[in-house]
Amino acid sequence: MVALATLDPIANIKPIGAIASRWLNLNKLVMASLMRSFKGKVDLILY
């Protein structure tokens, strides 16, 4: 993997970047849903 990365860095970085951005977007969605459910629980406790 390291040898391939040193030989052709751009070809290896591009897919990693795509996967990373996709993973970050997924994480944002998951965090948003978690925060929404958490907020709902807090609202239930407060009221």
Protein backbone atom coordinates (compact mmCIF):
# COMPACT_ATOMS: atom_id res chain seq x y z
CA MET A 1 0.00 0.00 0.00
CA VAL A 2 2.76 2.46 0.94
CA ALA A 3 4.74 1.59 -2.21
CA LEU A 4 1.67 2.15 -4.38
CA ALA A 5 0.97 5.44 -2.63
CA THR A 6 4.53 6.67 -3.25
CA LEU A 7 4.47 5.54 -6.89
CA ASP A 8 1.12 7.10 -7.79
CA PRO A 9 -0.05 9.44 -5.01
CA ILE A 10 -2.81 11.23 -6.96
CA ALA A 11 -4.47 8.00 -8.14
CA ASN A 12 -4.51 6.70 -4.56
CA ILE A 13 -5.52 9.94 -2.85
CA LYS A 14 -8.54 10.65 -5.09
CA PRO A 15 -10.60 7.56 -4.09
CA ILE A 16 -9.58 8.01 -0.44
CA GLY A 17 -10.84 11.60 -0.59
CA ALA A 18 -14.13 10.47 -2.16
CA ILE A 19 -14.59 7.81 0.54
CA ALA A 20 -13.67 10.29 3.27
CA SER A 21 -16.16 12.90 2.03
CA ARG A 22 -18.88 10.27 1.72
CA TRP A 23 -18.08 9.00 5.24
CA LEU A 24 -18.14 12.57 6.62
CA ASN A 25 -21.53 13.24 5.01
CA LEU A 26 -22.85 9.99 6.51
CA ASN A 27 -21.46 11.00 9.91
CA LYS A 28 -23.17 14.41 9.64
CA LEU A 29 -26.50 12.69 8.94
CA VAL A 30 -26.02 10.26 11.83
CA MET A 31 -25.01 13.05 14.22
CA ALA A 32 -27.98 15.18 13.14
CA SER A 33 -30.43 12.33 13.75
CA LEU A 34 -28.78 11.54 17.10
CA MET A 35 -28.97 15.19 18.17
CA ARG A 36 -32.62 15.35 17.09
CA SER A 37 -33.55 12.26 19.12
CA PHE A 38 -31.48 13.51 22.07
CA LYS A 39 -33.17 16.92 21.89
CA GLY A 40 -36.56 15.19 21.87
CA LYS A 41 -35.63 13.26 25.03
CA VAL A 42 -34.40 16.44 26.73
CA ASP A 43 -37.65 18.22 25.78
CA LEU A 44 -39.63 15.33 27.27
CA ILE A 45 -37.62 15.55 30.50
CA LEU A 46 -37.98 19.36 30.71
CA TYR A 47 -41.74 19.44 30.14
